[in-house]
PDB file of N, CA and C in Angstrom:
ATOM      1  N   LYS A   1       0.759  -1.217  -0.172  1.00  0.00           N
ATOM      2  CA  LYS A   1      -0.049  -0.113   0.037  1.00  0.00           C
ATOM      3  C   LYS A   1       0.967   1.146  -0.006  1.00  0.00           C
ATOM      4  N   ARG A   2       2.052   1.032   0.492  1.00  0.00           N
ATOM      5  CA  ARG A   2       3.009   2.393   0.817  1.00  0.00           C
ATOM      6  C   ARG A   2       3.236   3.004  -0.595  1.00  0.00           C
ATOM      7  N   PHE A   3       3.395   2.174  -1.795  1.00  0.00           N
ATOM      8  CA  PHE A   3       3.692   2.607  -2.929  1.00  0.00           C
ATOM      9  C   PHE A   3       2.542   3.462  -3.727  1.00  0.00           C
ATOM     10  N   LEU A   4       1.527   3.400  -3.137  1.00  0.00           N
ATOM     11  CA  LEU A   4       0.201   3.964  -3.796  1.00  0.00           C
ATOM     12  C   LEU A   4      -0.008   5.639  -3.093  1.00  0.00           C
ATOM     13  N   THR A   5       0.666   5.886  -2.082  1.00  0.00           N
ATOM     14  CA  THR A   5       0.613   7.028  -1.353  1.00  0.00           C
ATOM     15  C   THR A   5       1.503   8.206  -2.038  1.00  0.00           C
ATOM     16  N   LYS A   6       1.289   9.422  -1.880  1.00  0.00           N
ATOM     17  CA  LYS A   6       1.997  10.478  -2.565  1.00  0.00           C
ATOM     18  C   LYS A   6       3.141  10.938  -1.588  1.00  0.00           C
ATOM     19  N   PRO A   7       4.241  11.462  -2.103  1.00  0.00           N
ATOM     20  CA  PRO A   7       5.199  11.840  -1.183  1.00  0.00           C
ATOM     21  C   PRO A   7       4.723  13.073  -0.424  1.00  0.00           C
ATOM     22  N   LYS A   8       5.204  13.157   0.913  1.00  0.00           N
ATOM     23  CA  LYS A   8       4.608  14.280   1.686  1.00  0.00           C
ATOM     24  C   LYS A   8       4.979  15.625   0.950  1.00  0.00           C
ATOM     25  N   GLY A   9       3.924  16.437   1.098  1.00  0.00           N
ATOM     26  CA  GLY A   9       3.979  17.834   0.419  1.00  0.00           C
ATOM     27  C   GLY A   9       3.881  17.951  -0.929  1.00  0.00           C
ATOM     28  N   VAL A  10       3.386  16.884  -1.734  1.00  0.00           N
ATOM     29  CA  VAL A  10       3.305  16.892  -3.086  1.00  0.00           C
ATOM     30  C   VAL A  10       2.137  17.817  -3.470  1.00  0.00           C
ATOM     31  N   TRP A  11       1.157  18.040  -2.712  1.00  0.00           N
ATOM     32  CA  TRP A  11       0.064  18.874  -3.074  1.00  0.00           C
ATOM     33  C   TRP A  11       0.555  20.407  -2.930  1.00  0.00           C
ATOM     34  N   ASP A  12       1.639  20.598  -2.280  1.00  0.00           N
ATOM     35  CA  ASP A  12       2.151  21.988  -2.358  1.00  0.00           C
ATOM     36  C   ASP A  12       2.636  22.389  -3.597  1.00  0.00           C
ATOM     37  N   HIS A  13       3.058  21.417  -4.286  1.00  0.00           N
ATOM     38  CA  HIS A  13       3.637  21.798  -5.780  1.00  0.00           C
ATOM     39  C   HIS A  13       2.841  21.141  -6.944  1.00  0.00           C
ATOM     40  N   LEU A  14       1.812  20.525  -6.670  1.00  0.00           N
ATOM     41  CA  LEU A  14       1.055  19.885  -7.771  1.00  0.00           C
ATOM     42  C   LEU A  14      -0.464  20.163  -7.502  1.00  0.00           C
ATOM     43  N   LYS A  15      -0.993  20.971  -8.378  1.00  0.00           N
ATOM     44  CA  LYS A  15      -2.430  21.183  -8.364  1.00  0.00           C
ATOM     45  C   LYS A  15      -3.360  19.946  -8.703  1.00  0.00           C
ATOM     46  N   VAL A  16      -4.310  19.839  -7.917  1.00  0.00           N
ATOM     47  CA  VAL A  16      -5.274  18.726  -8.183  1.00  0.00           C
ATOM     48  C   VAL A  16      -5.855  18.730  -9.666  1.00  0.00           C
ATOM     49  N   GLU A  17      -6.068  19.927 -10.146  1.00  0.00           N
ATOM     50  CA  GLU A  17      -6.468  20.036 -11.658  1.00  0.00           C
ATOM     51  C   GLU A  17      -5.510  19.420 -12.506  1.00  0.00           C
ATOM     52  N   LEU A  18      -4.262  19.847 -12.338  1.00  0.00           N
ATOM     53  CA  LEU A  18      -3.360  19.270 -13.322  1.00  0.00           C
ATOM     54  C   LEU A  18      -3.133  17.765 -13.217  1.00  0.00           C
ATOM     55  N   TYR A  19      -3.130  17.339 -11.832  1.00  0.00           N
ATOM     56  CA  TYR A  19      -3.006  15.843 -11.719  1.00  0.00           C
ATOM     57  C   TYR A  19      -4.309  15.263 -12.435  1.00  0.00           C
ATOM     58  N   THR A  20      -5.418  15.718 -12.242  1.00  0.00           N
ATOM     59  CA  THR A  20      -6.639  15.141 -12.835  1.00  0.00           C
ATOM     60  C   THR A  20      -6.572  15.133 -14.413  1.00  0.00           C
ATOM     61  N   VAL A  21      -6.146  16.274 -15.064  1.00  0.00           N
ATOM     62  CA  VAL A  21      -6.013  16.378 -16.346  1.00  0.00           C
ATOM     63  C   VAL A  21      -4.901  15.402 -16.896  1.00  0.00           C
ATOM     64  N   PHE A  22      -3.780  15.242 -16.203  1.00  0.00           N
ATOM     65  CA  PHE A  22      -2.750  14.423 -16.835  1.00  0.00           C
ATOM     66  C   PHE A  22      -3.287  12.917 -16.725  1.00  0.00           C
ATOM     67  N   TRP A  23      -3.932  12.512 -15.730  1.00  0.00           N
ATOM     68  CA  TRP A  23      -4.373  11.109 -15.669  1.00  0.00           C
ATOM     69  C   TRP A  23      -5.671  10.922 -16.628  1.00  0.00           C
ATOM     70  N   SER A  24      -6.416  11.996 -16.970  1.00  0.00           N
ATOM     71  CA  SER A  24      -7.455  11.865 -17.876  1.00  0.00           C
ATOM     72  C   SER A  24      -7.038  11.657 -19.404  1.00  0.00           C
ATOM     73  N   LEU A  25      -5.865  12.164 -19.769  1.00  0.00           N
ATOM     74  CA  LEU A  25      -5.382  12.401 -21.203  1.00  0.00           C
ATOM     75  C   LEU A  25      -4.889  10.919 -21.629  1.00  0.00           C
ATOM     76  N   SER A  26      -4.894  10.569 -22.860  1.00  0.00           N
ATOM     77  CA  SER A  26      -4.496   9.583 -23.625  1.00  0.00           C
ATOM     78  C   SER A  26      -3.405   9.934 -24.699  1.00  0.00           C
ATOM     79  N   SER A  27      -2.708   9.092 -25.135  1.00  0.00           N
ATOM     80  CA  SER A  27      -1.832   9.281 -26.139  1.00  0.00           C
ATOM     81  C   SER A  27      -2.580  10.079 -27.323  1.00  0.00           C
ATOM     82  N   TYR A  28      -3.698   9.556 -27.546  1.00  0.00           N
ATOM     83  CA  TYR A  28      -4.658  10.064 -28.696  1.00  0.00           C
ATOM     84  C   TYR A  28      -4.849  11.473 -28.571  1.00  0.00           C
ATOM     85  N   ASP A  29      -4.869  12.087 -27.289  1.00  0.00           N
ATOM     86  CA  ASP A  29      -5.076  13.485 -27.151  1.00  0.00           C
ATOM     87  C   ASP A  29      -3.784  14.214 -27.235  1.00  0.00           C
ATOM     88  N   LEU A  30      -2.621  13.738 -27.076  1.00  0.00           N
ATOM     89  CA  LEU A  30      -1.472  14.245 -27.069  1.00  0.00           C
ATOM     90  C   LEU A  30      -0.546  14.262 -28.381  1.00  0.00           C
ATOM     91  N   TYR A  31      -0.730  13.241 -29.154  1.00  0.00           N
ATOM     92  CA  TYR A  31       0.012  12.929 -30.337  1.00  0.00           C
ATOM     93  C   TYR A  31      -0.772  12.552 -31.553  1.00  0.00           C
ATOM     94  N   VAL A  32      -0.453  13.157 -32.577  1.00  0.00           N
ATOM     95  CA  VAL A  32      -1.191  12.797 -34.001  1.00  0.00           C
ATOM     96  C   VAL A  32       0.025  12.131 -34.743  1.00  0.00           C
ATOM     97  N   PRO A  33      -0.023  10.882 -35.009  1.00  0.00           N
ATOM     98  CA  PRO A  33       0.820  10.033 -35.725  1.00  0.00           C
ATOM     99  C   PRO A  33       0.765  10.465 -37.248  1.00  0.00           C
ATOM    100  N   ALA A  34       1.180  11.621 -37.625  1.00  0.00           N
ATOM    101  CA  ALA A  34       1.079  12.052 -39.055  1.00  0.00           C
ATOM    102  C   ALA A  34       1.845  11.201 -39.977  1.00  0.00           C
ATOM    103  N   ASP A  35       2.926  10.813 -39.725  1.00  0.00           N
ATOM    104  CA  ASP A  35       3.773   9.830 -40.573  1.00  0.00           C
ATOM    105  C   ASP A  35       3.013   8.568 -40.785  1.00  0.00           C
ATOM    106  N   LEU A  36       2.388   7.922 -39.844  1.00  0.00           N
ATOM    107  CA  LEU A  36       1.673   6.905 -39.979  1.00  0.00           C
ATOM    108  C   LEU A  36       0.551   6.888 -40.756  1.00  0.00           C
ATOM    109  N   TYR A  37      -0.193   8.102 -40.619  1.00  0.00           N
ATOM    110  CA  TYR A  37      -1.354   8.134 -41.465  1.00  0.00           C
ATOM    111  C   TYR A  37      -0.870   8.432 -42.855  1.00  0.00           C
ATOM    112  N   GLU A  38       0.150   9.241 -43.184  1.00  0.00           N
ATOM    113  CA  GLU A  38       0.531   9.501 -44.478  1.00  0.00           C
ATOM    114  C   GLU A  38       1.056   8.233 -45.144  1.00  0.00           C
ATOM    115  N   SER A  39       1.702   7.451 -44.462  1.00  0.00           N
ATOM    116  CA  SER A  39       2.307   6.094 -45.108  1.00  0.00           C
ATOM    117  C   SER A  39       1.031   5.154 -45.465  1.00  0.00           C
ATOM    118  N   SER A  40       0.129   5.071 -44.383  1.00  0.00           N
ATOM    119  CA  SER A  40      -1.074   4.214 -44.677  1.00  0.00           C
ATOM    120  C   SER A  40      -1.894   4.752 -45.924  1.00  0.00           C
ATOM    121  N   LEU A  41      -2.150   6.118 -45.829  1.00  0.00           N
ATOM    122  CA  LEU A  41      -2.859   6.803 -46.989  1.00  0.00           C
ATOM    123  C   LEU A  41      -2.197   6.297 -48.293  1.00  0.00           C
ATOM    124  N   LYS A  42      -0.873   6.590 -48.412  1.00  0.00           N
ATOM    125  CA  LYS A  42      -0.071   6.477 -49.488  1.00  0.00           C
ATOM    126  C   LYS A  42      -0.189   4.827 -50.086  1.00  0.00           C
ATOM    127  N   ARG A  43      -0.181   3.961 -49.032  1.00  0.00           N
ATOM    128  CA  ARG A  43      -0.238   2.525 -49.430  1.00  0.00           C
ATOM    129  C   ARG A  43      -1.479   1.908 -50.013  1.00  0.00           C
ATOM    130  N   GLN A  44      -2.587   2.766 -49.341  1.00  0.00           N
ATOM    131  CA  GLN A  44      -3.962   2.469 -49.882  1.00  0.00           C
ATOM    132  C   GLN A  44      -4.252   3.049 -51.277  1.00  0.00           C
ATOM    133  N   GLU A  45      -3.599   4.333 -51.394  1.00  0.00           N
ATOM    134  CA  GLU A  45      -3.856   5.062 -52.780  1.00  0.00           C
ATOM    135  C   GLU A  45      -3.119   4.198 -53.859  1.00  0.00           C
ATOM    136  N   GLN A  46      -1.725   3.785 -53.571  1.00  0.00           N
ATOM    137  CA  GLN A  46      -1.062   3.073 -54.389  1.00  0.00           C
ATOM    138  C   GLN A  46      -1.791   1.749 -54.911  1.00  0.00           C
ATOM    139  N   ARG A  47      -2.331   1.003 -53.859  1.00  0.00           N
ATOM    140  CA  ARG A  47      -3.075  -0.233 -54.121  1.00  0.00           C
ATOM    141  C   ARG A  47      -4.329   0.120 -54.984  1.00  0.00           C
ATOM    142  N   ARG A  48      -5.204   1.153 -54.765  1.00  0.00           N
ATOM    143  CA  ARG A  48      -6.183   1.655 -55.568  1.00  0.00           C
ATOM    144  C   ARG A  48      -5.838   1.883 -56.924  1.00  0.00           C
ATOM    145  N   ASP A  49      -4.701   2.627 -57.117  1.00  0.00           N
ATOM    146  CA  ASP A  49      -4.365   2.969 -58.451  1.00  0.00           C
ATOM    147  C   ASP A  49      -3.885   1.717 -59.284  1.00  0.00           C
ATOM    148  N   GLU A  50      -3.173   0.729 -58.489  1.00  0.00           N
ATOM    149  CA  GLU A  50      -2.841  -0.409 -59.307  1.00  0.00           C
ATOM    150  C   GLU A  50      -3.933  -1.252 -59.618  1.00  0.00           C
ATOM    151  N   LEU A  51      -5.046  -1.392 -58.978  1.00  0.00           N
ATOM    152  CA  LEU A  51      -6.256  -2.088 -59.266  1.00  0.00           C
ATOM    153  C   LEU A  51      -6.885  -1.288 -60.460  1.00  0.00           C
ATOM    154  N   GLN A  52      -7.000  -0.048 -60.396  1.00  0.00           N
ATOM    155  CA  GLN A  52      -7.706   0.712 -61.367  1.00  0.00           C
ATOM    156  C   GLN A  52      -6.918   0.535 -62.664  1.00  0.00           C
ATOM    157  N   ARG A  53      -5.588   0.347 -62.736  1.00  0.00           N
ATOM    158  CA  ARG A  53      -4.895   0.198 -63.899  1.00  0.00           C
ATOM    159  C   ARG A  53      -5.153  -1.218 -64.399  1.00  0.00           C
ATOM    160  N   GLU A  54      -5.167  -2.211 -63.606  1.00  0.00           N
ATOM    161  CA  GLU A  54      -5.409  -3.679 -64.027  1.00  0.00           C
ATOM    162  C   GLU A  54      -6.944  -3.646 -64.758  1.00  0.00           C
ATOM    163  N   ILE A  55      -7.938  -2.856 -64.008  1.00  0.00           N
ATOM    164  CA  ILE A  55      -9.264  -2.670 -64.638  1.00  0.00           C
ATOM    165  C   ILE A  55      -9.220  -2.136 -65.980  1.00  0.00           C
ATOM    166  N   ARG A  56      -8.559  -1.177 -66.161  1.00  0.00           N
ATOM    167  CA  ARG A  56      -8.452  -0.400 -67.478  1.00  0.00           C
ATOM    168  C   ARG A  56      -7.685  -1.073 -68.466  1.00  0.00           C
ATOM    169  N   SER A  57      -6.734  -1.927 -68.028  1.00  0.00           N
ATOM    170  CA  SER A  57      -5.978  -2.654 -68.957  1.00  0.00           C
ATOM    171  C   SER A  57      -6.618  -3.641 -69.825  1.00  0.00           C
ATOM    172  N   GLY A  58      -7.619  -4.072 -69.343  1.00  0.00           N
ATOM    173  CA  GLY A  58      -8.632  -5.027 -69.976  1.00  0.00           C
ATOM    174  C   GLY A  58      -7.924  -6.541 -69.704  1.00  0.00           C
ATOM    175  N   GLY A  59      -8.535  -7.527 -70.412  1.00  0.00           N
ATOM    176  CA  GLY A  59      -7.876  -8.610 -70.179  1.00  0.00           C
ATOM    177  C   GLY A  59      -8.391  -9.529 -68.974  1.00  0.00           C
ATOM    178  N   LEU A  60      -9.221  -9.061 -68.162  1.00  0.00           N
ATOM    179  CA  LEU A  60      -9.565  -9.688 -67.028  1.00  0.00           C
ATOM    180  C   LEU A  60     -11.060 -10.226 -67.314  1.00  0.00           C
ATOM    181  N   ASP A  61     -11.213 -11.610 -66.839  1.00  0.00           N
ATOM    182  CA  ASP A  61     -12.426 -12.175 -66.949  1.00  0.00           C
ATOM    183  C   ASP A  61     -13.457 -11.403 -65.968  1.00  0.00           C
ATOM    184  N   ARG A  62     -14.865 -11.682 -66.141  1.00  0.00           N
ATOM    185  CA  ARG A  62     -15.838 -11.097 -65.419  1.00  0.00           C
ATOM    186  C   ARG A  62     -15.491 -11.158 -63.835  1.00  0.00           C
ATOM    187  N   ARG A  63     -15.305 -12.322 -63.450  1.00  0.00           N
ATOM    188  CA  ARG A  63     -14.988 -12.519 -61.952  1.00  0.00           C
ATOM    189  C   ARG A  63     -13.952 -11.551 -61.455  1.00  0.00           C
ATOM    190  N   ALA A  64     -12.781 -11.718 -62.313  1.00  0.00           N
ATOM    191  CA  ALA A  64     -11.655 -10.950 -61.791  1.00  0.00           C
ATOM    192  C   ALA A  64     -11.891  -9.499 -61.924  1.00  0.00           C
ATOM    193  N   LEU A  65     -12.627  -9.002 -63.033  1.00  0.00           N
ATOM    194  CA  LEU A  65     -13.023  -7.606 -62.984  1.00  0.00           C
ATOM    195  C   LEU A  65     -13.807  -7.231 -61.777  1.00  0.00           C
ATOM    196  N   ARG A  66     -14.883  -8.055 -61.472  1.00  0.00           N
ATOM    197  CA  ARG A  66     -15.683  -7.802 -60.287  1.00  0.00           C
ATOM    198  C   ARG A  66     -14.712  -7.673 -59.004  1.00  0.00           C
ATOM    199  N   ASP A  67     -13.961  -8.718 -58.899  1.00  0.00           N
ATOM    200  CA  ASP A  67     -13.124  -8.677 -57.679  1.00  0.00           C
ATOM    201  C   ASP A  67     -12.279  -7.357 -57.653  1.00  0.00           C
ATOM    202  N   ARG A  68     -11.637  -6.970 -58.725  1.00  0.00           N
ATOM    203  CA  ARG A  68     -10.828  -5.748 -58.659  1.00  0.00           C
ATOM    204  C   ARG A  68     -11.608  -4.498 -58.312  1.00  0.00           C
ATOM    205  N   GLU A  69     -12.929  -4.476 -58.982  1.00  0.00           N
ATOM    206  CA  GLU A  69     -13.724  -3.334 -58.594  1.00  0.00           C
ATOM    207  C   GLU A  69     -14.225  -3.410 -57.184  1.00  0.00           C
ATOM    208  N   SER A  70     -14.426  -4.521 -56.561  1.00  0.00           N
ATOM    209  CA  SER A  70     -14.744  -4.473 -55.213  1.00  0.00           C
ATOM    210  C   SER A  70     -13.637  -4.080 -54.278  1.00  0.00           C
ATOM    211  N   GLU A  71     -12.492  -4.554 -54.650  1.00  0.00           N
ATOM    212  CA  GLU A  71     -11.069  -4.036 -53.925  1.00  0.00           C
ATOM    213  C   GLU A  71     -10.981  -2.570 -54.079  1.00  0.00           C
ATOM    214  N   VAL A  72     -11.282  -2.029 -55.104  1.00  0.00           N
ATOM    215  CA  VAL A  72     -11.114  -0.554 -55.366  1.00  0.00           C
ATOM    216  C   VAL A  72     -12.039   0.165 -54.176  1.00  0.00           C
ATOM    217  N   LYS A  73     -13.341  -0.431 -54.281  1.00  0.00           N
ATOM    218  CA  LYS A  73     -14.275   0.272 -53.363  1.00  0.00           C
ATOM    219  C   LYS A  73     -13.824   0.023 -51.835  1.00  0.00           C
ATOM    220  N   VAL A  74     -13.154  -1.006 -51.434  1.00  0.00           N
ATOM    221  CA  VAL A  74     -12.659  -1.137 -50.132  1.00  0.00           C
ATOM    222  C   VAL A  74     -11.531  -0.102 -49.928  1.00  0.00           C
ATOM    223  N   CYS A  75     -10.605   0.007 -50.902  1.00  0.00           N
ATOM    224  CA  CYS A  75      -9.547   0.893 -50.799  1.00  0.00           C
ATOM    225  C   CYS A  75     -10.038   2.345 -50.616  1.00  0.00           C
ATOM    226  N   VAL A  76     -11.018   2.628 -51.387  1.00  0.00           N
ATOM    227  CA  VAL A  76     -11.746   4.059 -51.231  1.00  0.00           C
ATOM    228  C   VAL A  76     -12.325   4.261 -49.900  1.00  0.00           C
ATOM    229  N   ARG A  77     -12.989   3.304 -49.413  1.00  0.00           N
ATOM    230  CA  ARG A  77     -13.701   3.442 -48.061  1.00  0.00           C
ATOM    231  C   ARG A  77     -12.555   3.593 -46.945  1.00  0.00           C
ATOM    232  N   VAL A  78     -11.410   2.702 -47.114  1.00  0.00           N
ATOM    233  CA  VAL A  78     -10.416   2.722 -46.115  1.00  0.00           C
ATOM    234  C   VAL A  78      -9.731   4.219 -46.212  1.00  0.00           C
ATOM    235  N   ILE A  79      -9.426   4.779 -47.342  1.00  0.00           N
ATOM    236  CA  ILE A  79      -8.683   5.953 -47.472  1.00  0.00           C
ATOM    237  C   ILE A  79      -9.577   7.148 -46.824  1.00  0.00           C
ATOM    238  N   ASP A  80     -11.039   7.074 -47.203  1.00  0.00           N
ATOM    239  CA  ASP A  80     -12.011   7.988 -46.636  1.00  0.00           C
ATOM    240  C   ASP A  80     -11.847   7.901 -45.072  1.00  0.00           C
ATOM    241  N   ARG A  81     -11.852   6.733 -44.483  1.00  0.00           N
ATOM    242  CA  ARG A  81     -11.962   6.621 -43.124  1.00  0.00           C
ATOM    243  C   ARG A  81     -10.529   7.155 -42.406  1.00  0.00           C
ATOM    244  N   LEU A  82      -9.488   6.805 -43.126  1.00  0.00           N
ATOM    245  CA  LEU A  82      -8.223   7.248 -42.633  1.00  0.00           C
ATOM    246  C   LEU A  82      -8.129   8.821 -42.594  1.00  0.00           C
ATOM    247  N   ARG A  83      -8.636   9.340 -43.787  1.00  0.00           N
ATOM    248  CA  ARG A  83      -8.569  10.936 -43.608  1.00  0.00           C
ATOM    249  C   ARG A  83      -9.541  11.491 -42.598  1.00  0.00           C
ATOM    250  N   ALA A  84     -10.712  10.915 -42.473  1.00  0.00           N
ATOM    251  CA  ALA A  84     -11.628  11.404 -41.441  1.00  0.00           C
ATOM    252  C   ALA A  84     -11.052  11.258 -40.051  1.00  0.00           C
ATOM    253  N   ASP A  85     -10.444  10.196 -39.690  1.00  0.00           N
ATOM    254  CA  ASP A  85      -9.831   9.821 -38.493  1.00  0.00           C
ATOM    255  C   ASP A  85      -8.715  10.706 -38.130  1.00  0.00           C
ATOM    256  N   TRP A  86      -7.763  10.939 -39.121  1.00  0.00           N
ATOM    257  CA  TRP A  86      -6.716  11.934 -39.092  1.00  0.00           C
ATOM    258  C   TRP A  86      -7.062  13.238 -38.821  1.00  0.00           C
ATOM    259  N   GLU A  87      -8.183  13.727 -39.402  1.00  0.00           N
ATOM    260  CA  GLU A  87      -8.637  15.145 -39.276  1.00  0.00           C
ATOM    261  C   GLU A  87      -9.283  15.187 -37.851  1.00  0.00           C
ATOM    262  N   ALA A  88     -10.075  14.149 -37.466  1.00  0.00           N
ATOM    263  CA  ALA A  88     -10.678  14.202 -36.112  1.00  0.00           C
ATOM    264  C   ALA A  88      -9.592  14.185 -35.102  1.00  0.00           C
ATOM    265  N   GLN A  89      -8.569  13.339 -35.154  1.00  0.00           N
ATOM    266  CA  GLN A  89      -7.511  13.385 -34.352  1.00  0.00           C
ATOM    267  C   GLN A  89      -6.744  14.760 -34.121  1.00  0.00           C
ATOM    268  N   GLU A  90      -6.533  15.321 -35.322  1.00  0.00           N
ATOM    269  CA  GLU A  90      -5.822  16.616 -35.371  1.00  0.00           C
ATOM    270  C   GLU A  90      -6.797  17.766 -34.579  1.00  0.00           C
ATOM    271  N   VAL A  91      -8.071  17.692 -34.823  1.00  0.00           N
ATOM    272  CA  VAL A  91      -9.019  18.649 -34.125  1.00  0.00           C
ATOM    273  C   VAL A  91      -8.954  18.414 -32.678  1.00  0.00           C
ATOM    274  N   ASN A  92      -9.141  17.161 -32.192  1.00  0.00           N
ATOM    275  CA  ASN A  92      -9.116  16.681 -30.905  1.00  0.00           C
ATOM    276  C   ASN A  92      -7.743  17.149 -30.156  1.00  0.00           C
ATOM    277  N   ASN A  93      -6.710  17.032 -30.753  1.00  0.00           N
ATOM    278  CA  ASN A  93      -5.319  17.312 -30.289  1.00  0.00           C
ATOM    279  C   ASN A  93      -5.267  18.785 -30.167  1.00  0.00           C
ATOM    280  N   GLU A  94      -5.637  19.559 -31.151  1.00  0.00           N
ATOM    281  CA  GLU A  94      -5.485  20.977 -31.050  1.00  0.00           C
ATOM    282  C   GLU A  94      -6.494  21.520 -29.873  1.00  0.00           C
ATOM    283  N   SER A  95      -7.627  20.975 -29.717  1.00  0.00           N
ATOM    284  CA  SER A  95      -8.427  21.299 -28.691  1.00  0.00           C
ATOM    285  C   SER A  95      -7.802  20.913 -27.292  1.00  0.00           C
ATOM    286  N   VAL A  96      -7.235  19.863 -27.098  1.00  0.00           N
ATOM    287  CA  VAL A  96      -6.629  19.501 -25.870  1.00  0.00           C
ATOM    288  C   VAL A  96      -5.398  20.479 -25.542  1.00  0.00           C
ATOM    289  N   MET A  97      -4.643  20.747 -26.696  1.00  0.00           N
ATOM    290  CA  MET A  97      -3.487  21.520 -26.470  1.00  0.00           C
ATOM    291  C   MET A  97      -3.816  22.933 -26.053  1.00  0.00           C
ATOM    292  N   ASN A  98      -4.915  23.537 -26.685  1.00  0.00           N
ATOM    293  CA  ASN A  98      -5.435  24.855 -26.346  1.00  0.00           C
ATOM    294  C   ASN A  98      -5.943  24.802 -24.699  1.00  0.00           C
ATOM    295  N   ARG A  99      -6.585  23.712 -24.498  1.00  0.00           N
ATOM    296  CA  ARG A  99      -6.988  23.817 -23.063  1.00  0.00           C
ATOM    297  C   ARG A  99      -5.887  23.747 -21.949  1.00  0.00           C
ATOM    298  N   LEU A 100      -4.908  23.008 -22.454  1.00  0.00           N
ATOM    299  CA  LEU A 100      -3.629  22.837 -21.590  1.00  0.00           C
ATOM    300  C   LEU A 100      -2.959  24.400 -21.473  1.00  0.00           C
TER     301      LEU A 100
END
């Protein structure tokens, strides 16, 4: 139990509000992994473009064409979700930083 107690006089140097804010925040609030978002978006966009080239090139049977078109739709949805999540995380991060 002793390790759970605060050192004597800690509240003379640390305000309860700061302590509460610190423990209520997550890494999502404090950091936006822009590099990770960029690399994920780039990978999905490259895959989408590759699939679209295959579709335009012709030579695919109906089933393969349908499969490629479905994969393109999945890539587009993932790209949209990544962009929306990135924007939401940036807005949240900015709000938290302004509050601090």
